[in-house]
Amino acid sequence: MKIRTLIVDDEPLARERIRTLLADELDLEIIGECANGHEAVGAIQRDKPDLLFLDVQMPELDGFGVLQRLGAEKLPAVIFVTAYDQYALRAFEVHALDYLLKPFDRERFQKALQRARLQIQQAKDGDLNQRLLALLENLQPERKWLERLVVKSGGRVFFLKAEEIDWIEAAGNYVRLHAGRESHLLRETIKNLETQLDPKKFLRLNRSTIVRIDRIKELQPWFNGEYAIILQDGSRLTSSRGYREKLDALLGKSV
């Protein structure tokens, strides 16, 4: 019987990389791919995979959120795919749960895959569940949101507090931080920055924009389920349907 495998990652290239590495594994069958955490929860509950490649850092619902939604019911073996810091990696190791640190090579991939095979063969489902849940308990309380950013501008290096940021826009491999009348370029992707900001204070509006929630003054219905977001300083941003759920959650109802 083949190991039924589900790939979860919001980056198409990352899913393709895993799919390519699995192509020659005759004992594995890829039963699906998910581009976000919400899709993953439904697919896991519906298809009950044996093995899950799970991206930790995803917008809206991250990898840890997926496992929390599933609760203590039977979970598949999990190989975490992550860009997390060394503290989190040690936590994975302590709980005997494997991870792939992006970017990973074929040798490291094979090692993680072999460990997963052993877990599945031993069928210690209850033990695996407990280790996954213990990992969540250990990591979540320790999670600290970014409080300040180091900005280099015009030969200066200074600190910008997260609370000073009004909104953020993607600019290739950089992000532009808008704070009052000033804006600053920071070498960071918007995806990685989003995972470091407190989701109670910052909201992803679309693929290229994050806004500080307490800077929002008004929402105006626009086209095709999108909204115009008016900030206190008059800035006008737009939300996309793909991020509608976060906006609904902010309002506490369907908009």
C-alpha atoms as a PDB file:
ATOM      1  CA  MET A   1       0.000   0.000   0.000  1.00  0.00           C
ATOM      2  CA  LYS A   2       1.385   3.376  -0.990  1.00  0.00           C
ATOM      3  CA  ILE A   3       1.944   6.274   1.399  1.00  0.00           C
ATOM      4  CA  ARG A   4      -0.721   8.837   0.520  1.00  0.00           C
ATOM      5  CA  THR A   5       0.956  12.249   0.550  1.00  0.00           C
ATOM      6  CA  LEU A   6      -0.385  15.807   0.663  1.00  0.00           C
ATOM      7  CA  ILE A   7       1.753  18.878  -0.125  1.00  0.00           C
ATOM      8  CA  VAL A   8       0.842  22.192   1.533  1.00  0.00           C
ATOM      9  CA  ASP A   9       2.713  25.385   0.622  1.00  0.00           C
ATOM     10  CA  ASP A  10       1.510  28.777  -0.577  1.00  0.00           C
ATOM     11  CA  GLU A  11       4.433  29.075  -3.029  1.00  0.00           C
ATOM     12  CA  PRO A  12       3.898  27.211  -6.345  1.00  0.00           C
ATOM     13  CA  LEU A  13       7.644  26.768  -6.865  1.00  0.00           C
ATOM     14  CA  ALA A  14       8.022  25.194  -3.429  1.00  0.00           C
ATOM     15  CA  ARG A  15       5.220  22.716  -4.175  1.00  0.00           C
ATOM     16  CA  GLU A  16       6.819  21.928  -7.520  1.00  0.00           C
ATOM     17  CA  ARG A  17      10.185  21.304  -5.828  1.00  0.00           C
ATOM     18  CA  ILE A  18       8.676  18.752  -3.445  1.00  0.00           C
ATOM     19  CA  ARG A  19       6.644  17.151  -6.221  1.00  0.00           C
ATOM     20  CA  THR A  20       9.794  16.764  -8.350  1.00  0.00           C
ATOM     21  CA  LEU A  21      11.756  15.198  -5.490  1.00  0.00           C
ATOM     22  CA  LEU A  22       8.919  12.722  -4.883  1.00  0.00           C
ATOM     23  CA  ALA A  23       8.644  11.689  -8.533  1.00  0.00           C
ATOM     24  CA  ASP A  24      10.970   8.691  -8.158  1.00  0.00           C
ATOM     25  CA  GLU A  25       9.591   7.516  -4.805  1.00  0.00           C
ATOM     26  CA  LEU A  26       7.553   4.512  -5.919  1.00  0.00           C
ATOM     27  CA  ASP A  27       6.053   3.888  -2.485  1.00  0.00           C
ATOM     28  CA  LEU A  28       4.492   7.358  -2.322  1.00  0.00           C
ATOM     29  CA  GLU A  29       1.360   8.678  -3.996  1.00  0.00           C
ATOM     30  CA  ILE A  30       0.686  12.422  -4.140  1.00  0.00           C
ATOM     31  CA  ILE A  31      -3.037  12.760  -3.506  1.00  0.00           C
ATOM     32  CA  GLY A  32      -3.188  16.525  -3.669  1.00  0.00           C
ATOM     33  CA  GLU A  33      -1.674  19.963  -3.177  1.00  0.00           C
ATOM     34  CA  CYS A  34      -2.947  22.913  -1.147  1.00  0.00           C
ATOM     35  CA  ALA A  35      -1.976  26.555  -1.535  1.00  0.00           C
ATOM     36  CA  ASN A  36      -3.109  27.716   1.915  1.00  0.00           C
ATOM     37  CA  GLY A  37      -3.964  26.520   5.397  1.00  0.00           C
ATOM     38  CA  HIS A  38      -7.726  26.577   4.946  1.00  0.00           C
ATOM     39  CA  GLU A  39      -7.520  24.284   1.925  1.00  0.00           C
ATOM     40  CA  ALA A  40      -5.201  22.014   3.893  1.00  0.00           C
ATOM     41  CA  VAL A  41      -7.615  21.543   6.795  1.00  0.00           C
ATOM     42  CA  GLY A  42     -10.395  20.480   4.443  1.00  0.00           C
ATOM     43  CA  ALA A  43      -8.148  18.180   2.426  1.00  0.00           C
ATOM     44  CA  ILE A  44      -6.723  16.449   5.496  1.00  0.00           C
ATOM     45  CA  GLN A  45     -10.159  15.877   6.993  1.00  0.00           C
ATOM     46  CA  ARG A  46     -11.550  14.648   3.685  1.00  0.00           C
ATOM     47  CA  ASP A  47      -8.683  12.610   2.216  1.00  0.00           C
ATOM     48  CA  LYS A  48      -6.862  11.477   5.392  1.00  0.00           C
ATOM     49  CA  PRO A  49      -3.286  11.445   4.029  1.00  0.00           C
ATOM     50  CA  ASP A  50      -0.559   9.338   5.638  1.00  0.00           C
ATOM     51  CA  LEU A  51       2.124  11.991   5.153  1.00  0.00           C
ATOM     52  CA  LEU A  52       1.950  15.774   5.103  1.00  0.00           C
ATOM     53  CA  PHE A  53       4.563  18.212   3.798  1.00  0.00           C
ATOM     54  CA  LEU A  54       3.474  21.322   5.680  1.00  0.00           C
ATOM     55  CA  ASP A  55       4.770  24.858   5.153  1.00  0.00           C
ATOM     56  CA  VAL A  56       4.930  26.585   8.530  1.00  0.00           C
ATOM     57  CA  GLN A  57       4.775  30.165   7.241  1.00  0.00           C
ATOM     58  CA  MET A  58       1.612  30.839   5.244  1.00  0.00           C
ATOM     59  CA  PRO A  59      -0.699  33.870   5.236  1.00  0.00           C
ATOM     60  CA  GLU A  60      -4.129  33.713   6.893  1.00  0.00           C
ATOM     61  CA  LEU A  61      -3.667  30.260   8.480  1.00  0.00           C
ATOM     62  CA  ASP A  62      -0.118  29.004   9.018  1.00  0.00           C
ATOM     63  CA  GLY A  63       1.091  25.442   9.491  1.00  0.00           C
ATOM     64  CA  PHE A  64       0.657  25.524  13.248  1.00  0.00           C
ATOM     65  CA  GLY A  65      -2.839  26.895  12.778  1.00  0.00           C
ATOM     66  CA  VAL A  66      -3.661  23.958  10.500  1.00  0.00           C
ATOM     67  CA  LEU A  67      -2.675  21.461  13.198  1.00  0.00           C
ATOM     68  CA  GLN A  68      -4.608  23.370  15.851  1.00  0.00           C
ATOM     69  CA  ARG A  69      -7.741  23.301  13.687  1.00  0.00           C
ATOM     70  CA  LEU A  70      -7.405  19.530  13.363  1.00  0.00           C
ATOM     71  CA  GLY A  71      -6.998  19.141  17.121  1.00  0.00           C
ATOM     72  CA  ALA A  72      -6.054  15.901  18.826  1.00  0.00           C
ATOM     73  CA  GLU A  73      -7.761  13.655  16.309  1.00  0.00           C
ATOM     74  CA  LYS A  74      -5.670  11.304  14.207  1.00  0.00           C
ATOM     75  CA  LEU A  75      -3.018  13.291  12.376  1.00  0.00           C
ATOM     76  CA  PRO A  76      -0.737  12.216   9.527  1.00  0.00           C
ATOM     77  CA  ALA A  77       3.033  12.082   9.847  1.00  0.00           C
ATOM     78  CA  VAL A  78       4.282  15.624   9.254  1.00  0.00           C
ATOM     79  CA  ILE A  79       7.435  16.974   7.633  1.00  0.00           C
ATOM     80  CA  PHE A  80       7.526  20.693   8.361  1.00  0.00           C
ATOM     81  CA  VAL A  81       8.854  22.968   5.610  1.00  0.00           C
ATOM     82  CA  THR A  82      10.119  26.117   7.247  1.00  0.00           C
ATOM     83  CA  ALA A  83      12.332  29.172   7.262  1.00  0.00           C
ATOM     84  CA  TYR A  84      12.046  29.432  11.056  1.00  0.00           C
ATOM     85  CA  ASP A  85      14.835  30.410  13.422  1.00  0.00           C
ATOM     86  CA  GLN A  86      17.105  28.044  15.298  1.00  0.00           C
ATOM     87  CA  TYR A  87      14.969  28.041  18.448  1.00  0.00           C
ATOM     88  CA  ALA A  88      12.042  26.577  16.538  1.00  0.00           C
ATOM     89  CA  LEU A  89      14.265  24.049  14.776  1.00  0.00           C
ATOM     90  CA  ARG A  90      15.533  22.773  18.113  1.00  0.00           C
ATOM     91  CA  ALA A  91      11.924  22.426  19.237  1.00  0.00           C
ATOM     92  CA  PHE A  92      11.165  20.221  16.239  1.00  0.00           C
ATOM     93  CA  GLU A  93      14.151  18.046  17.117  1.00  0.00           C
ATOM     94  CA  VAL A  94      13.256  17.764  20.804  1.00  0.00           C
ATOM     95  CA  HIS A  95       9.825  16.398  19.858  1.00  0.00           C
ATOM     96  CA  ALA A  96      11.332  14.056  17.241  1.00  0.00           C
ATOM     97  CA  LEU A  97       9.467  15.778  14.418  1.00  0.00           C
ATOM     98  CA  ASP A  98      11.308  16.364  11.182  1.00  0.00           C
ATOM     99  CA  TYR A  99      11.625  19.574   9.202  1.00  0.00           C
ATOM    100  CA  LEU A 100      13.095  20.847   5.960  1.00  0.00           C
ATOM    101  CA  LEU A 101      14.800  24.211   6.266  1.00  0.00           C
ATOM    102  CA  LYS A 102      14.358  26.246   3.090  1.00  0.00           C
ATOM    103  CA  PRO A 103      16.266  25.984   0.805  1.00  0.00           C
ATOM    104  CA  PHE A 104      16.919  22.238   1.190  1.00  0.00           C
ATOM    105  CA  ASP A 105      18.785  19.774  -1.034  1.00  0.00           C
ATOM    106  CA  ARG A 106      17.942  16.236  -2.161  1.00  0.00           C
ATOM    107  CA  GLU A 107      20.075  14.601   0.534  1.00  0.00           C
ATOM    108  CA  ARG A 108      18.283  16.409   3.368  1.00  0.00           C
ATOM    109  CA  PHE A 109      14.937  15.689   1.717  1.00  0.00           C
ATOM    110  CA  GLN A 110      15.705  11.960   1.563  1.00  0.00           C
ATOM    111  CA  LYS A 111      16.680  11.920   5.232  1.00  0.00           C
ATOM    112  CA  ALA A 112      13.387  13.526   6.274  1.00  0.00           C
ATOM    113  CA  LEU A 113      11.449  11.182   4.026  1.00  0.00           C
ATOM    114  CA  GLN A 114      13.089   8.096   5.500  1.00  0.00           C
ATOM    115  CA  ARG A 115      12.228   9.198   9.028  1.00  0.00           C
ATOM    116  CA  ALA A 116       8.647   9.725   7.961  1.00  0.00           C
ATOM    117  CA  ARG A 117       8.501   6.225   6.483  1.00  0.00           C
ATOM    118  CA  LEU A 118       9.671   4.746   9.781  1.00  0.00           C
ATOM    119  CA  GLN A 119       7.058   6.709  11.720  1.00  0.00           C
ATOM    120  CA  ILE A 120       4.316   5.469   9.438  1.00  0.00           C
ATOM    121  CA  GLN A 121       5.518   1.858   9.546  1.00  0.00           C
ATOM    122  CA  GLN A 122       5.655   1.888  13.326  1.00  0.00           C
ATOM    123  CA  ALA A 123       2.090   3.249  13.327  1.00  0.00           C
ATOM    124  CA  LYS A 124       2.497   4.993  16.683  1.00  0.00           C
ATOM    125  CA  ASP A 125      -0.327   7.364  15.886  1.00  0.00           C
ATOM    126  CA  GLY A 126      -1.134   8.284  19.463  1.00  0.00           C
ATOM    127  CA  ASP A 127       2.491   9.001  20.248  1.00  0.00           C
ATOM    128  CA  LEU A 128       2.862  11.094  17.106  1.00  0.00           C
ATOM    129  CA  ASN A 129      -0.216  13.136  17.965  1.00  0.00           C
ATOM    130  CA  GLN A 130       1.119  13.876  21.418  1.00  0.00           C
ATOM    131  CA  ARG A 131       4.464  15.024  20.025  1.00  0.00           C
ATOM    132  CA  LEU A 132       2.756  17.333  17.541  1.00  0.00           C
ATOM    133  CA  LEU A 133       0.548  18.847  20.215  1.00  0.00           C
ATOM    134  CA  ALA A 134       3.497  19.253  22.584  1.00  0.00           C
ATOM    135  CA  LEU A 135       5.379  21.083  19.834  1.00  0.00           C
ATOM    136  CA  LEU A 136       2.491  23.524  19.411  1.00  0.00           C
ATOM    137  CA  GLU A 137       2.362  24.181  23.135  1.00  0.00           C
ATOM    138  CA  ASN A 138       6.105  24.845  23.237  1.00  0.00           C
ATOM    139  CA  LEU A 139       6.286  27.111  20.211  1.00  0.00           C
ATOM    140  CA  GLN A 140       3.180  29.253  20.419  1.00  0.00           C
ATOM    141  CA  PRO A 141       3.793  30.881  23.846  1.00  0.00           C
ATOM    142  CA  GLU A 142       7.363  31.694  22.836  1.00  0.00           C
ATOM    143  CA  ARG A 143       6.363  33.404  19.639  1.00  0.00           C
ATOM    144  CA  LYS A 144       7.335  37.064  19.853  1.00  0.00           C
ATOM    145  CA  TRP A 145       6.177  39.527  17.276  1.00  0.00           C
ATOM    146  CA  LEU A 146       8.512  42.009  15.666  1.00  0.00           C
ATOM    147  CA  GLU A 147       8.679  45.239  17.671  1.00  0.00           C
ATOM    148  CA  ARG A 148      11.205  47.230  15.659  1.00  0.00           C
ATOM    149  CA  LEU A 149      13.007  47.058  12.336  1.00  0.00           C
ATOM    150  CA  VAL A 150      16.558  48.050  11.438  1.00  0.00           C
ATOM    151  CA  VAL A 151      16.439  50.479   8.501  1.00  0.00           C
ATOM    152  CA  LYS A 152      19.411  51.668   6.442  1.00  0.00           C
ATOM    153  CA  SER A 153      18.854  54.921   4.598  1.00  0.00           C
ATOM    154  CA  GLY A 154      21.187  57.608   3.242  1.00  0.00           C
ATOM    155  CA  GLY A 155      24.186  56.229   5.115  1.00  0.00           C
ATOM    156  CA  ARG A 156      22.216  56.073   8.366  1.00  0.00           C
ATOM    157  CA  VAL A 157      21.158  53.022  10.334  1.00  0.00           C
ATOM    158  CA  PHE A 158      18.183  53.546  12.620  1.00  0.00           C
ATOM    159  CA  PHE A 159      15.366  51.688  14.321  1.00  0.00           C
ATOM    160  CA  LEU A 160      11.759  51.994  13.214  1.00  0.00           C
ATOM    161  CA  LYS A 161       9.161  50.779  15.704  1.00  0.00           C
ATOM    162  CA  ALA A 162       6.472  48.518  14.293  1.00  0.00           C
ATOM    163  CA  GLU A 163       3.851  50.745  15.918  1.00  0.00           C
ATOM    164  CA  GLU A 164       5.081  53.671  13.793  1.00  0.00           C
ATOM    165  CA  ILE A 165       4.310  51.903  10.499  1.00  0.00           C
ATOM    166  CA  ASP A 166       1.102  52.899   8.715  1.00  0.00           C
ATOM    167  CA  TRP A 167       1.281  50.464   5.823  1.00  0.00           C
ATOM    168  CA  ILE A 168       3.725  48.335   3.846  1.00  0.00           C
ATOM    169  CA  GLU A 169       3.998  47.638   0.135  1.00  0.00           C
ATOM    170  CA  ALA A 170       6.048  45.048  -1.730  1.00  0.00           C
ATOM    171  CA  ALA A 171       8.823  46.266  -4.014  1.00  0.00           C
ATOM    172  CA  GLY A 172      10.491  43.199  -5.521  1.00  0.00           C
ATOM    173  CA  ASN A 173      12.913  41.748  -2.980  1.00  0.00           C
ATOM    174  CA  TYR A 174      12.261  44.777  -0.804  1.00  0.00           C
ATOM    175  CA  VAL A 175       9.345  46.262   1.071  1.00  0.00           C
ATOM    176  CA  ARG A 176       8.568  49.951   1.407  1.00  0.00           C
ATOM    177  CA  LEU A 177       7.589  50.963   4.937  1.00  0.00           C
ATOM    178  CA  HIS A 178       5.264  53.962   5.112  1.00  0.00           C
ATOM    179  CA  ALA A 179       5.466  55.809   8.422  1.00  0.00           C
ATOM    180  CA  GLY A 180       3.878  59.224   8.618  1.00  0.00           C
ATOM    181  CA  ARG A 181       5.335  61.440   5.876  1.00  0.00           C
ATOM    182  CA  GLU A 182       8.362  59.195   5.423  1.00  0.00           C
ATOM    183  CA  SER A 183       8.912  55.936   3.609  1.00  0.00           C
ATOM    184  CA  HIS A 184      11.856  53.543   3.859  1.00  0.00           C
ATOM    185  CA  LEU A 185      13.065  50.589   1.819  1.00  0.00           C
ATOM    186  CA  LEU A 186      13.884  47.386   3.686  1.00  0.00           C
ATOM    187  CA  ARG A 187      15.464  44.317   2.086  1.00  0.00           C
ATOM    188  CA  GLU A 188      12.814  41.766   3.034  1.00  0.00           C
ATOM    189  CA  THR A 189       9.966  40.012   1.248  1.00  0.00           C
ATOM    190  CA  ILE A 190       6.441  40.922   2.234  1.00  0.00           C
ATOM    191  CA  LYS A 191       5.651  37.241   2.906  1.00  0.00           C
ATOM    192  CA  ASN A 192       8.434  36.869   5.459  1.00  0.00           C
ATOM    193  CA  LEU A 193       7.682  40.209   7.071  1.00  0.00           C
ATOM    194  CA  GLU A 194       4.015  39.289   7.467  1.00  0.00           C
ATOM    195  CA  THR A 195       4.934  36.209   9.525  1.00  0.00           C
ATOM    196  CA  GLN A 196       6.902  38.428  11.929  1.00  0.00           C
ATOM    197  CA  LEU A 197       4.200  41.029  12.526  1.00  0.00           C
ATOM    198  CA  ASP A 198       1.443  40.665  15.113  1.00  0.00           C
ATOM    199  CA  PRO A 199      -1.702  39.596  13.178  1.00  0.00           C
ATOM    200  CA  LYS A 200      -3.823  41.403  15.751  1.00  0.00           C
ATOM    201  CA  LYS A 201      -2.230  44.672  14.660  1.00  0.00           C
ATOM    202  CA  PHE A 202      -1.385  44.170  10.993  1.00  0.00           C
ATOM    203  CA  LEU A 203      -3.627  42.972   8.150  1.00  0.00           C
ATOM    204  CA  ARG A 204      -2.597  41.603   4.749  1.00  0.00           C
ATOM    205  CA  LEU A 205      -4.868  43.239   2.169  1.00  0.00           C
ATOM    206  CA  ASN A 206      -3.508  41.641  -0.996  1.00  0.00           C
ATOM    207  CA  ARG A 207      -0.333  40.054  -2.363  1.00  0.00           C
ATOM    208  CA  SER A 208       1.597  43.306  -2.119  1.00  0.00           C
ATOM    209  CA  THR A 209       0.099  45.291   0.779  1.00  0.00           C
ATOM    210  CA  ILE A 210      -0.038  45.084   4.586  1.00  0.00           C
ATOM    211  CA  VAL A 211      -1.754  47.736   6.700  1.00  0.00           C
ATOM    212  CA  ARG A 212      -1.674  48.545  10.393  1.00  0.00           C
ATOM    213  CA  ILE A 213      -5.242  47.932  11.533  1.00  0.00           C
ATOM    214  CA  ASP A 214      -5.579  50.944  13.813  1.00  0.00           C
ATOM    215  CA  ARG A 215      -4.674  53.227  10.879  1.00  0.00           C
ATOM    216  CA  ILE A 216      -7.811  52.200   8.944  1.00  0.00           C
ATOM    217  CA  LYS A 217     -10.440  54.929   8.889  1.00  0.00           C
ATOM    218  CA  GLU A 218     -12.976  53.690   6.334  1.00  0.00           C
ATOM    219  CA  LEU A 219     -13.901  50.768   4.078  1.00  0.00           C
ATOM    220  CA  GLN A 220     -15.600  51.428   0.751  1.00  0.00           C
ATOM    221  CA  PRO A 221     -17.114  48.593  -1.368  1.00  0.00           C
ATOM    222  CA  TRP A 222     -15.437  48.417  -4.758  1.00  0.00           C
ATOM    223  CA  PHE A 223     -15.582  45.918  -7.633  1.00  0.00           C
ATOM    224  CA  ASN A 224     -15.834  42.096  -7.578  1.00  0.00           C
ATOM    225  CA  GLY A 225     -15.801  41.773  -3.811  1.00  0.00           C
ATOM    226  CA  GLU A 226     -12.834  44.101  -3.367  1.00  0.00           C
ATOM    227  CA  TYR A 227     -12.715  47.058  -0.973  1.00  0.00           C
ATOM    228  CA  ALA A 228     -11.048  50.437  -0.938  1.00  0.00           C
ATOM    229  CA  ILE A 229      -9.286  50.997   2.376  1.00  0.00           C
ATOM    230  CA  ILE A 230      -8.990  54.629   3.462  1.00  0.00           C
ATOM    231  CA  LEU A 231      -6.361  55.353   6.108  1.00  0.00           C
ATOM    232  CA  GLN A 232      -6.363  58.147   8.658  1.00  0.00           C
ATOM    233  CA  ASP A 233      -3.760  60.078   6.658  1.00  0.00           C
ATOM    234  CA  GLY A 234      -5.863  59.835   3.494  1.00  0.00           C
ATOM    235  CA  SER A 235      -3.900  57.037   1.850  1.00  0.00           C
ATOM    236  CA  ARG A 236      -6.084  54.791  -0.309  1.00  0.00           C
ATOM    237  CA  LEU A 237      -5.349  51.062  -0.520  1.00  0.00           C
ATOM    238  CA  THR A 238      -7.311  48.130  -1.938  1.00  0.00           C
ATOM    239  CA  SER A 239      -8.089  44.663  -0.648  1.00  0.00           C
ATOM    240  CA  SER A 240      -8.424  41.592  -2.868  1.00  0.00           C
ATOM    241  CA  ARG A 241     -10.964  38.772  -2.686  1.00  0.00           C
ATOM    242  CA  GLY A 242      -8.188  36.313  -1.883  1.00  0.00           C
ATOM    243  CA  TYR A 243      -7.727  38.002   1.492  1.00  0.00           C
ATOM    244  CA  ARG A 244     -11.429  38.610   2.164  1.00  0.00           C
ATOM    245  CA  GLU A 245     -11.559  36.272   5.148  1.00  0.00           C
ATOM    246  CA  LYS A 246      -9.121  38.377   7.157  1.00  0.00           C
ATOM    247  CA  LEU A 247     -11.180  41.468   6.497  1.00  0.00           C
ATOM    248  CA  ASP A 248     -14.338  39.617   7.565  1.00  0.00           C
ATOM    249  CA  ALA A 249     -12.625  38.536  10.772  1.00  0.00           C
ATOM    250  CA  LEU A 250     -11.568  42.109  11.480  1.00  0.00           C
ATOM    251  CA  LEU A 251     -15.151  43.331  11.221  1.00  0.00           C
ATOM    252  CA  GLY A 252     -16.519  40.370  13.139  1.00  0.00           C
ATOM    253  CA  LYS A 253     -19.053  39.673  10.407  1.00  0.00           C
ATOM    254  CA  SER A 254     -19.384  39.153   6.661  1.00  0.00           C
ATOM    255  CA  VAL A 255     -18.906  42.401   4.746  1.00  0.00           C
END
